[in-house]
Amino acid sequence: GNPVSAHLAKDAAKESNGEFNSVTDEEILAAQYFLSSKGGIFAEPASCAPLAGLVKLKKLGRLPKGIKVVMVLTGNGLKDPDTAMSQVGRPIEIGDTLAELLEVMKG
């Protein structure tokens, strides 16, 4: 792409001793799944790219210990529910009784 504020991003990275990185679609979807299943936050794939990058840096051993990270996730997962649904199994369907709900919750 051709980001509108690319020069500002480059300046910010240089000023903060940061860097640019890339992630794959698979890494983004894995981050989306992790965020929703472990953090209870359902963000759209584009908003999960920073988390995917963080995970990648951690795996590469390039994340300093004790670092504090803040990520702004502005896109709700409901912007693209089809992508999320393609990554998980079919939802469990039950009737409208408490007994059926309790049965499913028992496992």
PDB file of N, CA and C in Angstrom:
ATOM      1  N   GLY A   1       0.810  -1.183   0.000  1.00  0.00           N
ATOM      2  CA  GLY A   1       0.000   0.000   0.000  1.00  0.00           C
ATOM      3  C   GLY A   1       0.856   1.251   0.000  1.00  0.00           C
ATOM      4  N   ASN A   2       0.183   2.350   0.084  1.00  0.00           N
ATOM      5  CA  ASN A   2       0.842   3.647   0.108  1.00  0.00           C
ATOM      6  C   ASN A   2       0.278   4.457   1.272  1.00  0.00           C
ATOM      7  N   PRO A   3       0.782   4.218   2.488  1.00  0.00           N
ATOM      8  CA  PRO A   3       0.246   4.914   3.659  1.00  0.00           C
ATOM      9  C   PRO A   3       0.379   6.428   3.546  1.00  0.00           C
ATOM     10  N   VAL A   4      -0.660   7.119   3.960  1.00  0.00           N
ATOM     11  CA  VAL A   4      -0.686   8.582   3.889  1.00  0.00           C
ATOM     12  C   VAL A   4       0.377   9.193   4.789  1.00  0.00           C
ATOM     13  N   SER A   5       0.574   8.634   5.970  1.00  0.00           N
ATOM     14  CA  SER A   5       1.495   9.214   6.955  1.00  0.00           C
ATOM     15  C   SER A   5       2.759   8.382   7.119  1.00  0.00           C
ATOM     16  N   ALA A   6       3.242   7.786   6.044  1.00  0.00           N
ATOM     17  CA  ALA A   6       4.423   6.924   6.128  1.00  0.00           C
ATOM     18  C   ALA A   6       5.621   7.663   6.709  1.00  0.00           C
ATOM     19  N   HIS A   7       5.805   8.908   6.314  1.00  0.00           N
ATOM     20  CA  HIS A   7       6.958   9.666   6.816  1.00  0.00           C
ATOM     21  C   HIS A   7       6.851   9.894   8.326  1.00  0.00           C
ATOM     22  N   LEU A   8       5.642  10.096   8.830  1.00  0.00           N
ATOM     23  CA  LEU A   8       5.463  10.272  10.277  1.00  0.00           C
ATOM     24  C   LEU A   8       5.753   8.973  11.019  1.00  0.00           C
ATOM     25  N   ALA A   9       5.331   7.859  10.440  1.00  0.00           N
ATOM     26  CA  ALA A   9       5.596   6.559  11.058  1.00  0.00           C
ATOM     27  C   ALA A   9       7.094   6.273  11.091  1.00  0.00           C
ATOM     28  N   LYS A  10       7.779   6.587  10.002  1.00  0.00           N
ATOM     29  CA  LYS A  10       9.231   6.383   9.956  1.00  0.00           C
ATOM     30  C   LYS A  10       9.932   7.248  10.998  1.00  0.00           C
ATOM     31  N   ASP A  11       9.512   8.492  11.114  1.00  0.00           N
ATOM     32  CA  ASP A  11      10.101   9.393  12.109  1.00  0.00           C
ATOM     33  C   ASP A  11       9.856   8.878  13.526  1.00  0.00           C
ATOM     34  N   ALA A  12       8.646   8.409  13.797  1.00  0.00           N
ATOM     35  CA  ALA A  12       8.315   7.903  15.132  1.00  0.00           C
ATOM     36  C   ALA A  12       9.129   6.660  15.458  1.00  0.00           C
ATOM     37  N   ALA A  13       9.304   5.773  14.497  1.00  0.00           N
ATOM     38  CA  ALA A  13      10.097   4.565  14.723  1.00  0.00           C
ATOM     39  C   ALA A  13      11.548   4.924  15.024  1.00  0.00           C
ATOM     40  N   LYS A  14      12.086   5.865  14.276  1.00  0.00           N
ATOM     41  CA  LYS A  14      13.477   6.284  14.485  1.00  0.00           C
ATOM     42  C   LYS A  14      13.644   6.945  15.852  1.00  0.00           C
ATOM     43  N   GLU A  15      12.706   7.814  16.187  1.00  0.00           N
ATOM     44  CA  GLU A  15      12.762   8.558  17.446  1.00  0.00           C
ATOM     45  C   GLU A  15      12.653   7.642  18.669  1.00  0.00           C
ATOM     46  N   SER A  16      11.912   6.559  18.542  1.00  0.00           N
ATOM     47  CA  SER A  16      11.664   5.674  19.684  1.00  0.00           C
ATOM     48  C   SER A  16      12.513   4.404  19.653  1.00  0.00           C
ATOM     49  N   ASN A  17      13.500   4.376  18.767  1.00  0.00           N
ATOM     50  CA  ASN A  17      14.315   3.175  18.573  1.00  0.00           C
ATOM     51  C   ASN A  17      13.451   1.975  18.206  1.00  0.00           C
ATOM     52  N   GLY A  18      12.374   2.236  17.495  1.00  0.00           N
ATOM     53  CA  GLY A  18      11.459   1.183  17.066  1.00  0.00           C
ATOM     54  C   GLY A  18      11.850   0.638  15.711  1.00  0.00           C
ATOM     55  N   GLU A  19      10.977  -0.178  15.174  1.00  0.00           N
ATOM     56  CA  GLU A  19      11.236  -0.778  13.874  1.00  0.00           C
ATOM     57  C   GLU A  19       9.918  -1.159  13.211  1.00  0.00           C
ATOM     58  N   PHE A  20       9.991  -1.474  11.949  1.00  0.00           N
ATOM     59  CA  PHE A  20       8.840  -1.982  11.216  1.00  0.00           C
ATOM     60  C   PHE A  20       9.007  -3.486  11.080  1.00  0.00           C
ATOM     61  N   ASN A  21       7.894  -4.176  11.043  1.00  0.00           N
ATOM     62  CA  ASN A  21       7.914  -5.623  10.918  1.00  0.00           C
ATOM     63  C   ASN A  21       6.716  -6.031  10.086  1.00  0.00           C
ATOM     64  N   SER A  22       6.726  -7.225   9.582  1.00  0.00           N
ATOM     65  CA  SER A  22       5.568  -7.713   8.826  1.00  0.00           C
ATOM     66  C   SER A  22       5.079  -9.017   9.445  1.00  0.00           C
ATOM     67  N   VAL A  23       3.800  -9.278   9.260  1.00  0.00           N
ATOM     68  CA  VAL A  23       3.203 -10.520   9.740  1.00  0.00           C
ATOM     69  C   VAL A  23       2.331 -11.095   8.629  1.00  0.00           C
ATOM     70  N   THR A  24       2.129 -12.394   8.688  1.00  0.00           N
ATOM     71  CA  THR A  24       1.301 -13.063   7.690  1.00  0.00           C
ATOM     72  C   THR A  24      -0.168 -13.032   8.118  1.00  0.00           C
ATOM     73  N   ASP A  25      -1.034 -13.332   7.176  1.00  0.00           N
ATOM     74  CA  ASP A  25      -2.456 -13.439   7.507  1.00  0.00           C
ATOM     75  C   ASP A  25      -2.680 -14.506   8.577  1.00  0.00           C
ATOM     76  N   GLU A  26      -1.953 -15.606   8.473  1.00  0.00           N
ATOM     77  CA  GLU A  26      -2.095 -16.682   9.452  1.00  0.00           C
ATOM     78  C   GLU A  26      -1.699 -16.213  10.851  1.00  0.00           C
ATOM     79  N   GLU A  27      -0.628 -15.430  10.941  1.00  0.00           N
ATOM     80  CA  GLU A  27      -0.200 -14.904  12.240  1.00  0.00           C
ATOM     81  C   GLU A  27      -1.241 -13.938  12.806  1.00  0.00           C
ATOM     82  N   ILE A  28      -1.841 -13.145  11.942  1.00  0.00           N
ATOM     83  CA  ILE A  28      -2.882 -12.207  12.384  1.00  0.00           C
ATOM     84  C   ILE A  28      -4.098 -12.964  12.900  1.00  0.00           C
ATOM     85  N   LEU A  29      -4.524 -13.992  12.173  1.00  0.00           N
ATOM     86  CA  LEU A  29      -5.693 -14.764  12.603  1.00  0.00           C
ATOM     87  C   LEU A  29      -5.419 -15.522  13.896  1.00  0.00           C
ATOM     88  N   ALA A  30      -4.187 -15.993  14.071  1.00  0.00           N
ATOM     89  CA  ALA A  30      -3.823 -16.650  15.331  1.00  0.00           C
ATOM     90  C   ALA A  30      -3.877 -15.645  16.479  1.00  0.00           C
ATOM     91  N   ALA A  31      -3.434 -14.426  16.233  1.00  0.00           N
ATOM     92  CA  ALA A  31      -3.492 -13.379  17.258  1.00  0.00           C
ATOM     93  C   ALA A  31      -4.940 -13.019  17.576  1.00  0.00           C
ATOM     94  N   GLN A  32      -5.783 -12.964  16.559  1.00  0.00           N
ATOM     95  CA  GLN A  32      -7.202 -12.674  16.778  1.00  0.00           C
ATOM     96  C   GLN A  32      -7.834 -13.755  17.648  1.00  0.00           C
ATOM     97  N   TYR A  33      -7.535 -15.003  17.340  1.00  0.00           N
ATOM     98  CA  TYR A  33      -8.076 -16.118  18.126  1.00  0.00           C
ATOM     99  C   TYR A  33      -7.580 -16.046  19.570  1.00  0.00           C
ATOM    100  N   PHE A  34      -6.290 -15.806  19.741  1.00  0.00           N
ATOM    101  CA  PHE A  34      -5.707 -15.710  21.083  1.00  0.00           C
ATOM    102  C   PHE A  34      -6.358 -14.583  21.879  1.00  0.00           C
ATOM    103  N   LEU A  35      -6.484 -13.426  21.256  1.00  0.00           N
ATOM    104  CA  LEU A  35      -7.049 -12.260  21.936  1.00  0.00           C
ATOM    105  C   LEU A  35      -8.492 -12.508  22.354  1.00  0.00           C
ATOM    106  N   SER A  36      -9.253 -13.145  21.493  1.00  0.00           N
ATOM    107  CA  SER A  36     -10.664 -13.383  21.827  1.00  0.00           C
ATOM    108  C   SER A  36     -10.824 -14.512  22.830  1.00  0.00           C
ATOM    109  N   SER A  37     -10.023 -15.563  22.716  1.00  0.00           N
ATOM    110  CA  SER A  37     -10.195 -16.706  23.617  1.00  0.00           C
ATOM    111  C   SER A  37      -9.550 -16.487  24.980  1.00  0.00           C
ATOM    112  N   LYS A  38      -8.455 -15.775  25.039  1.00  0.00           N
ATOM    113  CA  LYS A  38      -7.755 -15.560  26.319  1.00  0.00           C
ATOM    114  C   LYS A  38      -8.052 -14.205  26.939  1.00  0.00           C
ATOM    115  N   GLY A  39      -8.307 -13.202  26.103  1.00  0.00           N
ATOM    116  CA  GLY A  39      -8.520 -11.856  26.624  1.00  0.00           C
ATOM    117  C   GLY A  39      -9.958 -11.387  26.598  1.00  0.00           C
ATOM    118  N   GLY A  40     -10.811 -12.140  25.909  1.00  0.00           N
ATOM    119  CA  GLY A  40     -12.210 -11.754  25.835  1.00  0.00           C
ATOM    120  C   GLY A  40     -12.461 -10.522  24.987  1.00  0.00           C
ATOM    121  N   ILE A  41     -11.521 -10.211  24.091  1.00  0.00           N
ATOM    122  CA  ILE A  41     -11.663  -9.039  23.220  1.00  0.00           C
ATOM    123  C   ILE A  41     -11.780  -9.529  21.784  1.00  0.00           C
ATOM    124  N   PHE A  42     -12.865  -9.171  21.130  1.00  0.00           N
ATOM    125  CA  PHE A  42     -13.104  -9.589  19.751  1.00  0.00           C
ATOM    126  C   PHE A  42     -12.801  -8.419  18.827  1.00  0.00           C
ATOM    127  N   ALA A  43     -11.595  -8.419  18.284  1.00  0.00           N
ATOM    128  CA  ALA A  43     -11.149  -7.339  17.398  1.00  0.00           C
ATOM    129  C   ALA A  43     -11.073  -7.855  15.967  1.00  0.00           C
ATOM    130  N   GLU A  44     -11.235  -6.950  15.021  1.00  0.00           N
ATOM    131  CA  GLU A  44     -11.118  -7.345  13.612  1.00  0.00           C
ATOM    132  C   GLU A  44      -9.662  -7.709  13.308  1.00  0.00           C
ATOM    133  N   PRO A  45      -9.426  -8.486  12.257  1.00  0.00           N
ATOM    134  CA  PRO A  45      -8.056  -8.902  11.947  1.00  0.00           C
ATOM    135  C   PRO A  45      -7.055  -7.748  11.843  1.00  0.00           C
ATOM    136  N   ALA A  46      -7.418  -6.651  11.195  1.00  0.00           N
ATOM    137  CA  ALA A  46      -6.467  -5.538  11.044  1.00  0.00           C
ATOM    138  C   ALA A  46      -6.017  -4.992  12.394  1.00  0.00           C
ATOM    139  N   SER A  47      -6.907  -4.995  13.377  1.00  0.00           N
ATOM    140  CA  SER A  47      -6.543  -4.506  14.708  1.00  0.00           C
ATOM    141  C   SER A  47      -5.670  -5.497  15.466  1.00  0.00           C
ATOM    142  N   CYS A  48      -5.620  -6.739  15.002  1.00  0.00           N
ATOM    143  CA  CYS A  48      -4.816  -7.767  15.671  1.00  0.00           C
ATOM    144  C   CYS A  48      -3.396  -7.847  15.121  1.00  0.00           C
ATOM    145  N   ALA A  49      -3.107  -7.108  14.066  1.00  0.00           N
ATOM    146  CA  ALA A  49      -1.769  -7.134  13.476  1.00  0.00           C
ATOM    147  C   ALA A  49      -0.677  -6.730  14.472  1.00  0.00           C
ATOM    148  N   PRO A  50      -0.877  -5.691  15.307  1.00  0.00           N
ATOM    149  CA  PRO A  50       0.173  -5.360  16.278  1.00  0.00           C
ATOM    150  C   PRO A  50       0.454  -6.500  17.258  1.00  0.00           C
ATOM    151  N   LEU A  51      -0.586  -7.196  17.701  1.00  0.00           N
ATOM    152  CA  LEU A  51      -0.380  -8.336  18.601  1.00  0.00           C
ATOM    153  C   LEU A  51       0.370  -9.450  17.879  1.00  0.00           C
ATOM    154  N   ALA A  52       0.032  -9.685  16.627  1.00  0.00           N
ATOM    155  CA  ALA A  52       0.744 -10.699  15.844  1.00  0.00           C
ATOM    156  C   ALA A  52       2.226 -10.347  15.738  1.00  0.00           C
ATOM    157  N   GLY A  53       2.518  -9.077  15.537  1.00  0.00           N
ATOM    158  CA  GLY A  53       3.910  -8.637  15.476  1.00  0.00           C
ATOM    159  C   GLY A  53       4.630  -8.818  16.798  1.00  0.00           C
ATOM    160  N   LEU A  54       3.936  -8.540  17.883  1.00  0.00           N
ATOM    161  CA  LEU A  54       4.520  -8.712  19.211  1.00  0.00           C
ATOM    162  C   LEU A  54       4.835 -10.183  19.476  1.00  0.00           C
ATOM    163  N   VAL A  55       3.902 -11.051  19.131  1.00  0.00           N
ATOM    164  CA  VAL A  55       4.110 -12.496  19.298  1.00  0.00           C
ATOM    165  C   VAL A  55       5.310 -12.947  18.467  1.00  0.00           C
ATOM    166  N   LYS A  56       5.413 -12.432  17.253  1.00  0.00           N
ATOM    167  CA  LYS A  56       6.527 -12.792  16.375  1.00  0.00           C
ATOM    168  C   LYS A  56       7.863 -12.367  16.981  1.00  0.00           C
ATOM    169  N   LEU A  57       7.920 -11.144  17.486  1.00  0.00           N
ATOM    170  CA  LEU A  57       9.157 -10.668  18.117  1.00  0.00           C
ATOM    171  C   LEU A  57       9.516 -11.509  19.337  1.00  0.00           C
ATOM    172  N   LYS A  58       8.509 -11.907  20.106  1.00  0.00           N
ATOM    173  CA  LYS A  58       8.744 -12.751  21.290  1.00  0.00           C
ATOM    174  C   LYS A  58       9.342 -14.090  20.866  1.00  0.00           C
ATOM    175  N   LYS A  59       8.765 -14.702  19.834  1.00  0.00           N
ATOM    176  CA  LYS A  59       9.268 -15.990  19.340  1.00  0.00           C
ATOM    177  C   LYS A  59      10.696 -15.880  18.824  1.00  0.00           C
ATOM    178  N   LEU A  60      11.032 -14.726  18.262  1.00  0.00           N
ATOM    179  CA  LEU A  60      12.382 -14.512  17.734  1.00  0.00           C
ATOM    180  C   LEU A  60      13.376 -14.104  18.821  1.00  0.00           C
ATOM    181  N   GLY A  61      12.886 -13.956  20.069  1.00  0.00           N
ATOM    182  CA  GLY A  61      13.754 -13.551  21.172  1.00  0.00           C
ATOM    183  C   GLY A  61      14.174 -12.098  21.092  1.00  0.00           C
ATOM    184  N   ARG A  62      13.368 -11.279  20.438  1.00  0.00           N
ATOM    185  CA  ARG A  62      13.732  -9.875  20.241  1.00  0.00           C
ATOM    186  C   ARG A  62      12.886  -8.923  21.062  1.00  0.00           C
ATOM    187  N   LEU A  63      12.206  -9.451  22.062  1.00  0.00           N
ATOM    188  CA  LEU A  63      11.365  -8.621  22.914  1.00  0.00           C
ATOM    189  C   LEU A  63      12.061  -8.462  24.264  1.00  0.00           C
ATOM    190  N   PRO A  64      12.427  -7.250  24.630  1.00  0.00           N
ATOM    191  CA  PRO A  64      13.130  -7.048  25.903  1.00  0.00           C
ATOM    192  C   PRO A  64      12.278  -7.487  27.096  1.00  0.00           C
ATOM    193  N   LYS A  65      12.927  -8.056  28.094  1.00  0.00           N
ATOM    194  CA  LYS A  65      12.209  -8.459  29.309  1.00  0.00           C
ATOM    195  C   LYS A  65      11.732  -7.225  30.059  1.00  0.00           C
ATOM    196  N   GLY A  66      10.565  -7.346  30.671  1.00  0.00           N
ATOM    197  CA  GLY A  66      10.027  -6.265  31.476  1.00  0.00           C
ATOM    198  C   GLY A  66       9.435  -5.118  30.687  1.00  0.00           C
ATOM    199  N   ILE A  67       9.320  -5.290  29.389  1.00  0.00           N
ATOM    200  CA  ILE A  67       8.797  -4.214  28.546  1.00  0.00           C
ATOM    201  C   ILE A  67       7.295  -4.035  28.789  1.00  0.00           C
ATOM    202  N   LYS A  68       6.845  -2.800  28.703  1.00  0.00           N
ATOM    203  CA  LYS A  68       5.414  -2.497  28.775  1.00  0.00           C
ATOM    204  C   LYS A  68       4.947  -2.151  27.371  1.00  0.00           C
ATOM    205  N   VAL A  69       3.851  -2.759  26.969  1.00  0.00           N
ATOM    206  CA  VAL A  69       3.326  -2.558  25.621  1.00  0.00           C
ATOM    207  C   VAL A  69       1.885  -2.087  25.710  1.00  0.00           C
ATOM    208  N   VAL A  70       1.554  -1.097  24.919  1.00  0.00           N
ATOM    209  CA  VAL A  70       0.177  -0.616  24.815  1.00  0.00           C
ATOM    210  C   VAL A  70      -0.242  -0.762  23.357  1.00  0.00           C
ATOM    211  N   MET A  71      -1.384  -1.388  23.145  1.00  0.00           N
ATOM    212  CA  MET A  71      -1.913  -1.536  21.786  1.00  0.00           C
ATOM    213  C   MET A  71      -3.312  -0.956  21.744  1.00  0.00           C
ATOM    214  N   VAL A  72      -3.587  -0.205  20.714  1.00  0.00           N
ATOM    215  CA  VAL A  72      -4.917   0.362  20.519  1.00  0.00           C
ATOM    216  C   VAL A  72      -5.630  -0.492  19.476  1.00  0.00           C
ATOM    217  N   LEU A  73      -6.704  -1.129  19.898  1.00  0.00           N
ATOM    218  CA  LEU A  73      -7.484  -1.988  19.004  1.00  0.00           C
ATOM    219  C   LEU A  73      -8.803  -1.287  18.726  1.00  0.00           C
ATOM    220  N   THR A  74      -8.903  -0.662  17.582  1.00  0.00           N
ATOM    221  CA  THR A  74     -10.084   0.158  17.313  1.00  0.00           C
ATOM    222  C   THR A  74     -11.149  -0.549  16.492  1.00  0.00           C
ATOM    223  N   GLY A  75     -10.813  -1.646  15.853  1.00  0.00           N
ATOM    224  CA  GLY A  75     -11.765  -2.319  14.980  1.00  0.00           C
ATOM    225  C   GLY A  75     -12.434  -3.492  15.658  1.00  0.00           C
ATOM    226  N   ASN A  76     -13.741  -3.442  15.784  1.00  0.00           N
ATOM    227  CA  ASN A  76     -14.518  -4.515  16.391  1.00  0.00           C
ATOM    228  C   ASN A  76     -14.549  -5.730  15.466  1.00  0.00           C
ATOM    229  N   GLY A  77     -14.496  -6.912  16.046  1.00  0.00           N
ATOM    230  CA  GLY A  77     -14.531  -8.149  15.273  1.00  0.00           C
ATOM    231  C   GLY A  77     -15.785  -8.323  14.450  1.00  0.00           C
ATOM    232  N   LEU A  78     -16.843  -7.616  14.818  1.00  0.00           N
ATOM    233  CA  LEU A  78     -18.089  -7.725  14.058  1.00  0.00           C
ATOM    234  C   LEU A  78     -18.011  -7.019  12.708  1.00  0.00           C
ATOM    235  N   LYS A  79     -16.902  -6.306  12.453  1.00  0.00           N
ATOM    236  CA  LYS A  79     -16.696  -5.726  11.123  1.00  0.00           C
ATOM    237  C   LYS A  79     -16.461  -6.832  10.094  1.00  0.00           C
ATOM    238  N   ASP A  80     -15.902  -7.948  10.561  1.00  0.00           N
ATOM    239  CA  ASP A  80     -15.559  -9.053   9.662  1.00  0.00           C
ATOM    240  C   ASP A  80     -15.829 -10.384  10.351  1.00  0.00           C
ATOM    241  N   PRO A  81     -17.078 -10.685  10.678  1.00  0.00           N
ATOM    242  CA  PRO A  81     -17.368 -11.922  11.407  1.00  0.00           C
ATOM    243  C   PRO A  81     -17.108 -13.180  10.581  1.00  0.00           C
ATOM    244  N   ASP A  82     -17.204 -13.094   9.266  1.00  0.00           N
ATOM    245  CA  ASP A  82     -17.004 -14.283   8.439  1.00  0.00           C
ATOM    246  C   ASP A  82     -15.590 -14.837   8.575  1.00  0.00           C
ATOM    247  N   THR A  83     -14.600 -13.956   8.641  1.00  0.00           N
ATOM    248  CA  THR A  83     -13.219 -14.417   8.803  1.00  0.00           C
ATOM    249  C   THR A  83     -13.049 -15.121  10.139  1.00  0.00           C
ATOM    250  N   ALA A  84     -13.579 -14.546  11.190  1.00  0.00           N
ATOM    251  CA  ALA A  84     -13.474 -15.172  12.508  1.00  0.00           C
ATOM    252  C   ALA A  84     -14.190 -16.519  12.529  1.00  0.00           C
ATOM    253  N   MET A  85     -15.368 -16.570  11.951  1.00  0.00           N
ATOM    254  CA  MET A  85     -16.137 -17.816  11.951  1.00  0.00           C
ATOM    255  C   MET A  85     -15.441 -18.915  11.151  1.00  0.00           C
ATOM    256  N   SER A  86     -14.653 -18.537  10.154  1.00  0.00           N
ATOM    257  CA  SER A  86     -13.944 -19.537   9.356  1.00  0.00           C
ATOM    258  C   SER A  86     -12.799 -20.182  10.138  1.00  0.00           C
ATOM    259  N   GLN A  87     -12.421 -19.587  11.257  1.00  0.00           N
ATOM    260  CA  GLN A  87     -11.297 -20.082  12.049  1.00  0.00           C
ATOM    261  C   GLN A  87     -11.715 -20.980  13.210  1.00  0.00           C
ATOM    262  N   VAL A  88     -13.006 -21.070  13.463  1.00  0.00           N
ATOM    263  CA  VAL A  88     -13.495 -21.868  14.597  1.00  0.00           C
ATOM    264  C   VAL A  88     -14.547 -22.853  14.106  1.00  0.00           C
ATOM    265  N   GLY A  89     -14.876 -23.801  14.950  1.00  0.00           N
ATOM    266  CA  GLY A  89     -15.905 -24.774  14.598  1.00  0.00           C
ATOM    267  C   GLY A  89     -17.301 -24.175  14.660  1.00  0.00           C
ATOM    268  N   ARG A  90     -18.254 -24.968  14.247  1.00  0.00           N
ATOM    269  CA  ARG A  90     -19.650 -24.528  14.300  1.00  0.00           C
ATOM    270  C   ARG A  90     -20.056 -24.293  15.737  1.00  0.00           C
ATOM    271  N   PRO A  91     -20.865 -23.273  15.969  1.00  0.00           N
ATOM    272  CA  PRO A  91     -21.356 -23.039  17.329  1.00  0.00           C
ATOM    273  C   PRO A  91     -22.305 -24.161  17.758  1.00  0.00           C
ATOM    274  N   ILE A  92     -22.356 -24.386  19.036  1.00  0.00           N
ATOM    275  CA  ILE A  92     -23.279 -25.378  19.590  1.00  0.00           C
ATOM    276  C   ILE A  92     -24.674 -24.775  19.572  1.00  0.00           C
ATOM    277  N   GLU A  93     -25.607 -25.516  19.049  1.00  0.00           N
ATOM    278  CA  GLU A  93     -26.990 -25.043  19.012  1.00  0.00           C
ATOM    279  C   GLU A  93     -27.804 -25.816  20.042  1.00  0.00           C
ATOM    280  N   ILE A  94     -28.567 -25.073  20.836  1.00  0.00           N
ATOM    281  CA  ILE A  94     -29.431 -25.698  21.835  1.00  0.00           C
ATOM    282  C   ILE A  94     -30.805 -25.044  21.778  1.00  0.00           C
ATOM    283  N   GLY A  95     -31.739 -25.712  22.404  1.00  0.00           N
ATOM    284  CA  GLY A  95     -33.081 -25.159  22.490  1.00  0.00           C
ATOM    285  C   GLY A  95     -33.144 -24.047  23.518  1.00  0.00           C
ATOM    286  N   ASP A  96     -34.344 -23.640  23.830  1.00  0.00           N
ATOM    287  CA  ASP A  96     -34.524 -22.482  24.711  1.00  0.00           C
ATOM    288  C   ASP A  96     -34.890 -22.861  26.146  1.00  0.00           C
ATOM    289  N   THR A  97     -34.367 -23.995  26.600  1.00  0.00           N
ATOM    290  CA  THR A  97     -34.667 -24.386  27.981  1.00  0.00           C
ATOM    291  C   THR A  97     -33.406 -24.364  28.825  1.00  0.00           C
ATOM    292  N   LEU A  98     -33.583 -24.106  30.091  1.00  0.00           N
ATOM    293  CA  LEU A  98     -32.464 -24.115  31.031  1.00  0.00           C
ATOM    294  C   LEU A  98     -31.837 -25.498  31.104  1.00  0.00           C
ATOM    295  N   ALA A  99     -32.651 -26.521  31.037  1.00  0.00           N
ATOM    296  CA  ALA A  99     -32.143 -27.894  31.108  1.00  0.00           C
ATOM    297  C   ALA A  99     -31.155 -28.172  29.973  1.00  0.00           C
ATOM    298  N   GLU A 100     -31.474 -27.717  28.765  1.00  0.00           N
ATOM    299  CA  GLU A 100     -30.568 -27.931  27.630  1.00  0.00           C
ATOM    300  C   GLU A 100     -29.266 -27.150  27.806  1.00  0.00           C
ATOM    301  N   LEU A 101     -29.365 -25.940  28.316  1.00  0.00           N
ATOM    302  CA  LEU A 101     -28.175 -25.139  28.575  1.00  0.00           C
ATOM    303  C   LEU A 101     -27.282 -25.822  29.602  1.00  0.00           C
ATOM    304  N   LEU A 102     -27.863 -26.280  30.683  1.00  0.00           N
ATOM    305  CA  LEU A 102     -27.089 -26.947  31.729  1.00  0.00           C
ATOM    306  C   LEU A 102     -26.444 -28.222  31.210  1.00  0.00           C
ATOM    307  N   GLU A 103     -27.130 -28.936  30.357  1.00  0.00           N
ATOM    308  CA  GLU A 103     -26.577 -30.165  29.778  1.00  0.00           C
ATOM    309  C   GLU A 103     -25.334 -29.864  28.945  1.00  0.00           C
ATOM    310  N   VAL A 104     -25.389 -28.814  28.144  1.00  0.00           N
ATOM    311  CA  VAL A 104     -24.236 -28.427  27.323  1.00  0.00           C
ATOM    312  C   VAL A 104     -23.092 -27.955  28.213  1.00  0.00           C
ATOM    313  N   MET A 105     -23.405 -27.233  29.269  1.00  0.00           N
ATOM    314  CA  MET A 105     -22.366 -26.709  30.161  1.00  0.00           C
ATOM    315  C   MET A 105     -21.659 -27.818  30.925  1.00  0.00           C
ATOM    316  N   LYS A 106     -22.321 -28.941  31.141  1.00  0.00           N
ATOM    317  CA  LYS A 106     -21.693 -30.083  31.817  1.00  0.00           C
ATOM    318  C   LYS A 106     -20.585 -30.682  30.959  1.00  0.00           C
ATOM    319  N   GLY A 107     -20.695 -30.499  29.658  1.00  0.00           N
ATOM    320  CA  GLY A 107     -19.675 -31.002  28.754  1.00  0.00           C
ATOM    321  C   GLY A 107     -20.031 -32.340  28.258  1.00  0.00           C
TER     322      GLY A 107
END
